[in-house]
N, C-alpha and C. Protein backbone atom coordinates (compact mmCIF):
# COMPACT_ATOMS: atom_id res chain seq x y z
N MET A 1 -32.30 -46.74 15.35
CA MET A 1 -31.65 -47.85 14.67
C MET A 1 -31.97 -49.13 15.43
N PRO A 2 -32.56 -50.14 14.80
CA PRO A 2 -32.89 -51.37 15.51
C PRO A 2 -31.65 -52.14 15.94
N LEU A 3 -31.76 -52.83 17.06
CA LEU A 3 -30.65 -53.64 17.57
C LEU A 3 -30.67 -55.04 16.96
N ALA A 4 -29.48 -55.54 16.69
CA ALA A 4 -29.29 -56.94 16.30
C ALA A 4 -28.39 -57.55 17.37
N VAL A 5 -28.99 -58.23 18.34
CA VAL A 5 -28.22 -58.88 19.40
C VAL A 5 -27.75 -60.22 18.86
N LEU A 6 -26.45 -60.37 18.73
CA LEU A 6 -25.82 -61.55 18.15
C LEU A 6 -25.14 -62.32 19.28
N LEU A 7 -25.69 -63.48 19.61
CA LEU A 7 -25.22 -64.25 20.76
C LEU A 7 -24.04 -65.13 20.40
N ILE A 8 -23.09 -65.20 21.33
CA ILE A 8 -21.88 -66.00 21.17
C ILE A 8 -21.81 -66.98 22.33
N GLY A 9 -21.73 -68.27 22.02
CA GLY A 9 -21.58 -69.24 23.10
C GLY A 9 -21.70 -70.66 22.60
N ILE A 10 -21.09 -71.54 23.35
CA ILE A 10 -21.12 -72.97 23.05
C ILE A 10 -22.51 -73.51 23.40
N THR A 11 -22.84 -74.63 22.82
CA THR A 11 -24.09 -75.32 23.10
C THR A 11 -24.27 -75.49 24.60
N GLY A 12 -25.40 -75.01 25.12
CA GLY A 12 -25.70 -75.13 26.55
C GLY A 12 -25.31 -73.92 27.37
N SER A 13 -24.77 -72.88 26.73
CA SER A 13 -24.28 -71.72 27.48
C SER A 13 -25.39 -70.76 27.92
N GLY A 14 -26.61 -70.94 27.42
CA GLY A 14 -27.71 -70.08 27.84
C GLY A 14 -28.23 -69.15 26.76
N LYS A 15 -27.81 -69.37 25.53
CA LYS A 15 -28.23 -68.50 24.43
C LYS A 15 -29.74 -68.50 24.24
N THR A 16 -30.35 -69.66 24.21
CA THR A 16 -31.79 -69.75 23.97
C THR A 16 -32.57 -69.12 25.13
N THR A 17 -32.11 -69.34 26.35
CA THR A 17 -32.78 -68.72 27.51
C THR A 17 -32.74 -67.21 27.38
N LEU A 18 -31.59 -66.65 27.05
CA LEU A 18 -31.48 -65.20 26.88
C LEU A 18 -32.31 -64.73 25.69
N ALA A 19 -32.25 -65.46 24.58
CA ALA A 19 -33.01 -65.06 23.39
C ALA A 19 -34.51 -65.04 23.67
N LYS A 20 -35.00 -66.03 24.42
CA LYS A 20 -36.42 -66.05 24.75
C LYS A 20 -36.79 -64.91 25.69
N ALA A 21 -35.90 -64.56 26.60
CA ALA A 21 -36.15 -63.42 27.49
C ALA A 21 -36.23 -62.12 26.67
N LEU A 22 -35.35 -61.97 25.69
CA LEU A 22 -35.40 -60.78 24.83
C LEU A 22 -36.67 -60.79 23.97
N ALA A 23 -37.08 -61.97 23.51
CA ALA A 23 -38.33 -62.06 22.73
C ALA A 23 -39.52 -61.61 23.57
N SER A 24 -39.49 -61.92 24.87
CA SER A 24 -40.58 -61.48 25.74
C SER A 24 -40.58 -59.97 25.94
N ARG A 25 -39.48 -59.32 25.56
CA ARG A 25 -39.36 -57.85 25.64
C ARG A 25 -39.55 -57.19 24.28
N GLY A 26 -40.01 -57.96 23.30
CA GLY A 26 -40.34 -57.39 22.00
C GLY A 26 -39.36 -57.65 20.88
N PHE A 27 -38.25 -58.31 21.16
CA PHE A 27 -37.29 -58.65 20.11
C PHE A 27 -37.84 -59.79 19.26
N THR A 28 -37.52 -59.78 17.99
CA THR A 28 -37.81 -60.92 17.13
C THR A 28 -36.69 -61.93 17.34
N ARG A 29 -37.04 -63.15 17.72
CA ARG A 29 -36.04 -64.20 17.97
C ARG A 29 -35.93 -65.07 16.73
N LEU A 30 -34.69 -65.23 16.25
CA LEU A 30 -34.41 -66.08 15.10
C LEU A 30 -33.44 -67.18 15.55
N SER A 31 -33.78 -68.44 15.23
CA SER A 31 -32.99 -69.57 15.68
C SER A 31 -32.63 -70.49 14.51
N VAL A 32 -31.34 -70.64 14.27
CA VAL A 32 -30.87 -71.57 13.24
C VAL A 32 -31.20 -73.00 13.64
N ASP A 33 -30.97 -73.36 14.90
CA ASP A 33 -31.26 -74.73 15.34
C ASP A 33 -32.73 -75.09 15.14
N GLU A 34 -33.61 -74.16 15.42
CA GLU A 34 -35.04 -74.45 15.24
C GLU A 34 -35.41 -74.59 13.77
N GLU A 35 -34.73 -73.85 12.90
CA GLU A 35 -34.98 -74.00 11.47
C GLU A 35 -34.47 -75.36 10.99
N VAL A 36 -33.31 -75.79 11.45
CA VAL A 36 -32.78 -77.11 11.09
C VAL A 36 -33.73 -78.20 11.62
N HIS A 37 -34.20 -78.04 12.84
CA HIS A 37 -35.12 -79.01 13.43
C HIS A 37 -36.42 -79.08 12.64
N ARG A 38 -36.94 -77.93 12.25
CA ARG A 38 -38.17 -77.89 11.47
C ARG A 38 -38.02 -78.67 10.16
N LEU A 39 -36.86 -78.55 9.55
CA LEU A 39 -36.62 -79.19 8.26
C LEU A 39 -36.19 -80.66 8.36
N HIS A 40 -35.42 -81.00 9.42
CA HIS A 40 -34.76 -82.30 9.45
C HIS A 40 -34.97 -83.14 10.71
N GLY A 41 -35.54 -82.58 11.75
CA GLY A 41 -35.72 -83.33 12.99
C GLY A 41 -34.58 -83.10 13.97
N ARG A 42 -34.40 -84.04 14.90
CA ARG A 42 -33.44 -83.88 16.00
C ARG A 42 -32.03 -84.30 15.62
N TYR A 43 -31.10 -83.48 16.03
CA TYR A 43 -29.66 -83.70 15.87
C TYR A 43 -29.27 -85.02 16.55
N GLY A 44 -28.59 -85.88 15.80
CA GLY A 44 -28.10 -87.13 16.36
C GLY A 44 -29.17 -88.19 16.57
N ILE A 45 -30.43 -87.85 16.31
CA ILE A 45 -31.53 -88.81 16.48
C ILE A 45 -32.17 -89.09 15.12
N ASP A 46 -32.64 -88.04 14.46
CA ASP A 46 -33.32 -88.19 13.16
C ASP A 46 -32.35 -88.12 11.98
N TYR A 47 -31.16 -87.69 12.22
CA TYR A 47 -30.11 -87.65 11.20
C TYR A 47 -28.77 -87.75 11.91
N PRO A 48 -27.74 -88.26 11.24
CA PRO A 48 -26.43 -88.42 11.88
C PRO A 48 -25.78 -87.06 12.21
N GLU A 49 -25.10 -87.01 13.35
CA GLU A 49 -24.43 -85.78 13.79
C GLU A 49 -23.52 -85.22 12.71
N HIS A 50 -22.78 -86.10 12.01
CA HIS A 50 -21.79 -85.63 11.05
C HIS A 50 -22.42 -84.92 9.84
N THR A 51 -23.74 -84.98 9.69
CA THR A 51 -24.39 -84.29 8.57
C THR A 51 -24.99 -82.94 8.97
N TYR A 52 -24.77 -82.54 10.23
CA TYR A 52 -25.40 -81.30 10.71
C TYR A 52 -24.98 -80.08 9.89
N LEU A 53 -23.69 -79.91 9.66
CA LEU A 53 -23.22 -78.70 8.97
C LEU A 53 -23.81 -78.58 7.57
N GLU A 54 -23.95 -79.70 6.88
CA GLU A 54 -24.55 -79.68 5.55
C GLU A 54 -26.04 -79.30 5.64
N ARG A 55 -26.72 -79.72 6.68
CA ARG A 55 -28.12 -79.38 6.88
C ARG A 55 -28.28 -77.94 7.38
N GLU A 56 -27.27 -77.49 8.09
CA GLU A 56 -27.33 -76.15 8.69
C GLU A 56 -27.17 -75.03 7.65
N ARG A 57 -26.35 -75.24 6.62
CA ARG A 57 -26.03 -74.17 5.66
C ARG A 57 -27.27 -73.46 5.10
N PRO A 58 -28.24 -74.19 4.51
CA PRO A 58 -29.40 -73.48 3.97
C PRO A 58 -30.24 -72.81 5.07
N ALA A 59 -30.26 -73.40 6.26
CA ALA A 59 -31.00 -72.79 7.37
C ALA A 59 -30.36 -71.46 7.78
N VAL A 60 -29.04 -71.42 7.78
CA VAL A 60 -28.33 -70.18 8.10
C VAL A 60 -28.71 -69.09 7.11
N GLU A 61 -28.75 -69.42 5.84
CA GLU A 61 -29.10 -68.42 4.82
C GLU A 61 -30.54 -67.94 4.97
N THR A 62 -31.46 -68.85 5.30
CA THR A 62 -32.85 -68.45 5.54
C THR A 62 -32.93 -67.49 6.71
N ILE A 63 -32.25 -67.81 7.80
CA ILE A 63 -32.27 -66.95 8.99
C ILE A 63 -31.57 -65.63 8.70
N ARG A 64 -30.50 -65.64 7.91
CA ARG A 64 -29.80 -64.40 7.56
C ARG A 64 -30.76 -63.46 6.80
N GLN A 65 -31.53 -64.01 5.88
CA GLN A 65 -32.50 -63.20 5.13
C GLN A 65 -33.59 -62.67 6.06
N GLN A 66 -34.04 -63.49 6.99
CA GLN A 66 -35.05 -63.05 7.94
C GLN A 66 -34.52 -61.94 8.83
N LEU A 67 -33.28 -62.08 9.29
CA LEU A 67 -32.66 -61.05 10.12
C LEU A 67 -32.62 -59.72 9.37
N ALA A 68 -32.17 -59.75 8.14
CA ALA A 68 -32.10 -58.52 7.34
C ALA A 68 -33.49 -57.92 7.15
N ALA A 69 -34.49 -58.74 6.87
CA ALA A 69 -35.84 -58.24 6.65
C ALA A 69 -36.40 -57.60 7.93
N GLU A 70 -36.18 -58.24 9.07
CA GLU A 70 -36.68 -57.71 10.34
C GLU A 70 -36.01 -56.36 10.69
N LEU A 71 -34.71 -56.29 10.49
CA LEU A 71 -34.00 -55.04 10.78
C LEU A 71 -34.43 -53.94 9.82
N THR A 72 -34.57 -54.27 8.55
CA THR A 72 -35.03 -53.29 7.56
C THR A 72 -36.40 -52.74 7.93
N ALA A 73 -37.23 -53.59 8.51
CA ALA A 73 -38.57 -53.18 8.94
C ALA A 73 -38.53 -52.40 10.27
N GLY A 74 -37.34 -52.27 10.85
CA GLY A 74 -37.20 -51.49 12.08
C GLY A 74 -37.38 -52.28 13.36
N HIS A 75 -37.35 -53.61 13.29
CA HIS A 75 -37.56 -54.45 14.46
C HIS A 75 -36.23 -54.85 15.10
N ASP A 76 -36.18 -54.83 16.42
CA ASP A 76 -35.03 -55.37 17.14
C ASP A 76 -35.04 -56.88 16.99
N VAL A 77 -33.86 -57.47 16.85
CA VAL A 77 -33.72 -58.91 16.60
C VAL A 77 -32.68 -59.50 17.53
N VAL A 78 -32.92 -60.74 17.96
CA VAL A 78 -31.89 -61.50 18.66
C VAL A 78 -31.64 -62.76 17.85
N LEU A 79 -30.38 -63.02 17.55
CA LEU A 79 -29.98 -64.21 16.80
C LEU A 79 -29.56 -65.29 17.78
N ASP A 80 -30.36 -66.34 17.85
CA ASP A 80 -30.10 -67.48 18.72
C ASP A 80 -29.28 -68.50 17.93
N HIS A 81 -27.98 -68.24 17.89
CA HIS A 81 -27.04 -69.06 17.13
C HIS A 81 -25.68 -68.84 17.78
N GLY A 82 -24.81 -69.84 17.77
CA GLY A 82 -23.59 -69.78 18.56
C GLY A 82 -22.50 -68.84 18.11
N LEU A 83 -22.41 -68.56 16.81
CA LEU A 83 -21.35 -67.69 16.28
C LEU A 83 -19.99 -68.06 16.88
N TRP A 84 -19.59 -69.30 16.63
CA TRP A 84 -18.40 -69.86 17.24
C TRP A 84 -17.09 -69.29 16.70
N THR A 85 -17.11 -68.70 15.52
CA THR A 85 -15.86 -68.17 14.95
C THR A 85 -15.95 -66.67 14.72
N ARG A 86 -14.81 -66.05 14.75
CA ARG A 86 -14.75 -64.62 14.48
C ARG A 86 -15.29 -64.32 13.08
N ALA A 87 -14.98 -65.17 12.11
CA ALA A 87 -15.46 -64.95 10.74
C ALA A 87 -16.98 -64.93 10.71
N ASP A 88 -17.63 -65.85 11.42
CA ASP A 88 -19.10 -65.86 11.48
C ASP A 88 -19.62 -64.57 12.11
N ARG A 89 -18.99 -64.15 13.19
CA ARG A 89 -19.44 -62.93 13.87
C ARG A 89 -19.31 -61.72 12.95
N THR A 90 -18.21 -61.64 12.23
CA THR A 90 -17.99 -60.52 11.30
C THR A 90 -19.05 -60.51 10.20
N THR A 91 -19.36 -61.68 9.67
CA THR A 91 -20.36 -61.79 8.60
C THR A 91 -21.74 -61.36 9.08
N TRP A 92 -22.15 -61.82 10.26
CA TRP A 92 -23.47 -61.46 10.79
C TRP A 92 -23.53 -59.97 11.15
N GLN A 93 -22.44 -59.41 11.66
CA GLN A 93 -22.42 -57.98 11.95
C GLN A 93 -22.60 -57.18 10.65
N ALA A 94 -21.93 -57.59 9.59
CA ALA A 94 -22.06 -56.90 8.30
C ALA A 94 -23.48 -57.00 7.78
N THR A 95 -24.10 -58.17 7.92
CA THR A 95 -25.50 -58.34 7.50
C THR A 95 -26.39 -57.36 8.25
N ALA A 96 -26.20 -57.27 9.54
CA ALA A 96 -27.01 -56.36 10.36
C ALA A 96 -26.81 -54.91 9.93
N ARG A 97 -25.58 -54.51 9.73
CA ARG A 97 -25.30 -53.11 9.34
C ARG A 97 -25.91 -52.79 7.97
N ARG A 98 -25.77 -53.70 7.01
CA ARG A 98 -26.34 -53.47 5.68
C ARG A 98 -27.86 -53.29 5.74
N ALA A 99 -28.50 -53.95 6.71
CA ALA A 99 -29.96 -53.87 6.84
C ALA A 99 -30.39 -52.69 7.71
N GLY A 100 -29.43 -51.87 8.13
CA GLY A 100 -29.77 -50.69 8.93
C GLY A 100 -29.82 -50.94 10.42
N GLY A 101 -29.29 -52.08 10.86
CA GLY A 101 -29.30 -52.41 12.28
C GLY A 101 -27.99 -52.10 12.97
N GLN A 102 -28.04 -52.07 14.28
CA GLN A 102 -26.86 -51.87 15.12
C GLN A 102 -26.51 -53.21 15.77
N PRO A 103 -25.45 -53.89 15.29
CA PRO A 103 -25.10 -55.18 15.89
C PRO A 103 -24.46 -55.02 17.26
N VAL A 104 -24.85 -55.91 18.18
CA VAL A 104 -24.26 -55.98 19.51
C VAL A 104 -23.87 -57.43 19.74
N LEU A 105 -22.58 -57.69 19.91
CA LEU A 105 -22.11 -59.04 20.21
C LEU A 105 -22.25 -59.29 21.71
N VAL A 106 -22.89 -60.41 22.08
CA VAL A 106 -23.10 -60.74 23.48
C VAL A 106 -22.56 -62.15 23.72
N TYR A 107 -21.58 -62.24 24.61
CA TYR A 107 -20.89 -63.49 24.89
C TYR A 107 -21.42 -64.12 26.18
N LEU A 108 -21.75 -65.41 26.10
CA LEU A 108 -22.22 -66.17 27.25
C LEU A 108 -21.20 -67.26 27.56
N PRO A 109 -20.18 -66.93 28.35
CA PRO A 109 -19.16 -67.95 28.67
C PRO A 109 -19.71 -68.98 29.65
N ALA A 110 -19.21 -70.19 29.54
CA ALA A 110 -19.57 -71.27 30.47
C ALA A 110 -18.46 -72.30 30.46
N ASP A 111 -18.17 -72.85 31.64
CA ASP A 111 -17.10 -73.85 31.68
C ASP A 111 -17.66 -75.25 31.37
N ARG A 112 -16.75 -76.17 31.10
CA ARG A 112 -17.12 -77.52 30.64
C ARG A 112 -18.02 -78.23 31.64
N ASP A 113 -17.70 -78.19 32.94
CA ASP A 113 -18.50 -78.91 33.93
C ASP A 113 -19.92 -78.36 34.00
N GLU A 114 -20.05 -77.06 33.96
CA GLU A 114 -21.38 -76.44 33.97
C GLU A 114 -22.18 -76.86 32.73
N LEU A 115 -21.52 -76.85 31.58
CA LEU A 115 -22.19 -77.24 30.34
C LEU A 115 -22.60 -78.72 30.37
N LEU A 116 -21.73 -79.58 30.88
CA LEU A 116 -22.08 -81.01 30.97
C LEU A 116 -23.33 -81.22 31.82
N ALA A 117 -23.42 -80.52 32.94
CA ALA A 117 -24.60 -80.65 33.80
C ALA A 117 -25.85 -80.18 33.07
N ARG A 118 -25.77 -79.04 32.39
CA ARG A 118 -26.92 -78.53 31.65
C ARG A 118 -27.31 -79.47 30.51
N LEU A 119 -26.31 -79.97 29.80
CA LEU A 119 -26.59 -80.82 28.65
C LEU A 119 -27.13 -82.17 29.05
N ASN A 120 -26.68 -82.72 30.18
CA ASN A 120 -27.23 -83.99 30.65
C ASN A 120 -28.73 -83.87 30.88
N GLU A 121 -29.15 -82.75 31.44
CA GLU A 121 -30.58 -82.51 31.64
C GLU A 121 -31.28 -82.29 30.31
N ARG A 122 -30.68 -81.48 29.47
CA ARG A 122 -31.30 -81.12 28.19
C ARG A 122 -31.38 -82.32 27.23
N ASN A 123 -30.43 -83.23 27.32
CA ASN A 123 -30.43 -84.41 26.45
C ASN A 123 -31.68 -85.27 26.63
N GLN A 124 -32.41 -85.07 27.73
CA GLN A 124 -33.62 -85.85 27.99
C GLN A 124 -34.83 -85.29 27.25
N ARG A 125 -34.74 -84.05 26.80
CA ARG A 125 -35.86 -83.41 26.10
C ARG A 125 -35.86 -83.80 24.63
N GLU A 126 -36.93 -83.40 23.93
CA GLU A 126 -37.05 -83.74 22.52
C GLU A 126 -37.36 -82.53 21.63
N ASP A 127 -37.24 -81.33 22.17
CA ASP A 127 -37.55 -80.14 21.37
C ASP A 127 -36.37 -79.77 20.47
N ALA A 128 -36.58 -78.72 19.68
CA ALA A 128 -35.57 -78.31 18.69
C ALA A 128 -34.24 -77.91 19.31
N ASN A 129 -34.26 -77.44 20.56
CA ASN A 129 -33.04 -76.99 21.21
C ASN A 129 -32.43 -78.04 22.12
N ALA A 130 -32.90 -79.28 22.02
CA ALA A 130 -32.42 -80.37 22.86
C ALA A 130 -31.48 -81.27 22.08
N LEU A 131 -30.36 -80.72 21.67
CA LEU A 131 -29.38 -81.52 20.95
C LEU A 131 -28.81 -82.58 21.89
N THR A 132 -28.69 -83.80 21.42
CA THR A 132 -28.08 -84.85 22.21
C THR A 132 -26.56 -84.69 22.09
N VAL A 133 -25.95 -84.21 23.17
CA VAL A 133 -24.53 -83.90 23.14
C VAL A 133 -23.79 -84.76 24.15
N THR A 134 -22.84 -85.55 23.66
CA THR A 134 -22.01 -86.39 24.53
C THR A 134 -20.85 -85.56 25.06
N PRO A 135 -20.19 -86.04 26.12
CA PRO A 135 -18.99 -85.34 26.61
C PRO A 135 -17.93 -85.21 25.52
N GLU A 136 -17.81 -86.25 24.67
CA GLU A 136 -16.81 -86.20 23.58
C GLU A 136 -17.18 -85.12 22.56
N ALA A 137 -18.46 -85.02 22.24
CA ALA A 137 -18.90 -83.98 21.31
C ALA A 137 -18.66 -82.60 21.91
N LEU A 138 -18.91 -82.45 23.21
CA LEU A 138 -18.67 -81.16 23.86
C LEU A 138 -17.19 -80.79 23.78
N ASP A 139 -16.30 -81.77 23.97
CA ASP A 139 -14.87 -81.50 23.84
C ASP A 139 -14.54 -81.01 22.43
N ASP A 140 -15.17 -81.63 21.42
CA ASP A 140 -14.97 -81.19 20.04
C ASP A 140 -15.48 -79.77 19.85
N PHE A 141 -16.62 -79.43 20.46
CA PHE A 141 -17.17 -78.08 20.36
C PHE A 141 -16.17 -77.07 20.93
N PHE A 142 -15.61 -77.37 22.10
CA PHE A 142 -14.62 -76.47 22.71
C PHE A 142 -13.40 -76.30 21.81
N ALA A 143 -12.98 -77.38 21.16
CA ALA A 143 -11.81 -77.30 20.28
C ALA A 143 -12.07 -76.39 19.09
N ARG A 144 -13.31 -76.31 18.64
CA ARG A 144 -13.65 -75.50 17.47
C ARG A 144 -14.11 -74.09 17.81
N PHE A 145 -14.41 -73.81 19.07
CA PHE A 145 -14.97 -72.53 19.48
C PHE A 145 -13.86 -71.48 19.64
N GLU A 146 -14.09 -70.31 19.08
CA GLU A 146 -13.15 -69.19 19.23
C GLU A 146 -13.81 -68.13 20.11
N PRO A 147 -13.39 -68.02 21.38
CA PRO A 147 -13.96 -66.96 22.21
C PRO A 147 -13.68 -65.61 21.57
N PRO A 148 -14.57 -64.64 21.79
CA PRO A 148 -14.34 -63.33 21.17
C PRO A 148 -13.07 -62.67 21.69
N ALA A 149 -12.34 -62.04 20.77
CA ALA A 149 -11.13 -61.30 21.13
C ALA A 149 -11.53 -59.93 21.67
N ASP A 150 -10.63 -59.32 22.41
CA ASP A 150 -10.91 -58.01 23.01
C ASP A 150 -11.36 -56.99 21.98
N ASP A 151 -10.73 -57.00 20.80
CA ASP A 151 -11.05 -55.98 19.80
C ASP A 151 -12.42 -56.19 19.14
N GLU A 152 -13.09 -57.31 19.43
CA GLU A 152 -14.44 -57.52 18.91
C GLU A 152 -15.49 -56.78 19.76
N ARG A 153 -15.09 -56.36 20.94
CA ARG A 153 -15.97 -55.59 21.83
C ARG A 153 -17.26 -56.32 22.19
N ALA A 154 -17.16 -57.62 22.38
CA ALA A 154 -18.34 -58.38 22.81
C ALA A 154 -18.63 -58.06 24.27
N VAL A 155 -19.90 -57.95 24.59
CA VAL A 155 -20.35 -57.72 25.95
C VAL A 155 -20.52 -59.09 26.60
N VAL A 156 -19.95 -59.27 27.78
CA VAL A 156 -20.14 -60.52 28.51
C VAL A 156 -21.45 -60.40 29.29
N TYR A 157 -22.35 -61.31 29.02
CA TYR A 157 -23.66 -61.28 29.68
C TYR A 157 -23.54 -61.88 31.07
N ASN A 158 -24.00 -61.14 32.08
CA ASN A 158 -23.85 -61.58 33.47
C ASN A 158 -25.17 -62.05 34.09
N GLY A 159 -26.23 -62.12 33.30
CA GLY A 159 -27.50 -62.59 33.82
C GLY A 159 -28.48 -61.50 34.20
N ASP A 160 -28.06 -60.24 34.15
CA ASP A 160 -28.93 -59.12 34.51
C ASP A 160 -29.48 -58.49 33.22
N LEU A 161 -30.64 -58.94 32.79
CA LEU A 161 -31.21 -58.52 31.51
C LEU A 161 -31.53 -57.03 31.47
N ASP A 162 -32.11 -56.49 32.53
CA ASP A 162 -32.49 -55.07 32.52
C ASP A 162 -31.28 -54.17 32.33
N THR A 163 -30.20 -54.44 33.08
CA THR A 163 -28.99 -53.64 32.95
C THR A 163 -28.38 -53.80 31.56
N ALA A 164 -28.37 -55.04 31.07
CA ALA A 164 -27.81 -55.30 29.74
C ALA A 164 -28.58 -54.53 28.68
N LEU A 165 -29.90 -54.57 28.72
CA LEU A 165 -30.71 -53.86 27.73
C LEU A 165 -30.44 -52.37 27.74
N LYS A 166 -30.34 -51.79 28.92
CA LYS A 166 -30.05 -50.34 29.00
C LYS A 166 -28.70 -50.04 28.37
N HIS A 167 -27.72 -50.89 28.64
CA HIS A 167 -26.38 -50.70 28.08
C HIS A 167 -26.40 -50.84 26.54
N TRP A 168 -27.08 -51.87 26.04
CA TRP A 168 -27.11 -52.14 24.60
C TRP A 168 -27.85 -51.06 23.84
N GLN A 169 -28.87 -50.47 24.46
CA GLN A 169 -29.70 -49.50 23.75
C GLN A 169 -29.09 -48.11 23.74
N ARG A 170 -27.95 -47.92 24.41
CA ARG A 170 -27.28 -46.62 24.38
C ARG A 170 -26.55 -46.43 23.08
């Protein structure tokens, strides 16, 4: 049964770094942010921040279809997307199961100060994953983020990819 690694974390928590590491191990990496960037450019630069969710919706559906197709074909997949709410996590898990995949929720916690330091550096870049995030926007992100509840059985990623992969593949 192919794995669907579904990442949970606020902007800057390390999702893309982990997703790229899994891609180097043979996982198909799917990124909603990169699909939005491909279609619309940079968040807060090429379009106003307040229009992101409207631009994101069709990208989410495209990535959802790609995830299902990859799992149906027997490929392991990592979803590079924040899954900030329990409802989103439940929906993506159901998509993975319907496509014959085994969903694994992976949580990348990070505190505000750590995220601010990472985002200050990242705000200087211009790639698809370099969202320009102000401290005020980060506070808004935290207000909207729902950490996974115990009954969701999310695995907290500790930075040890080899151990995590062995655990997830059991």
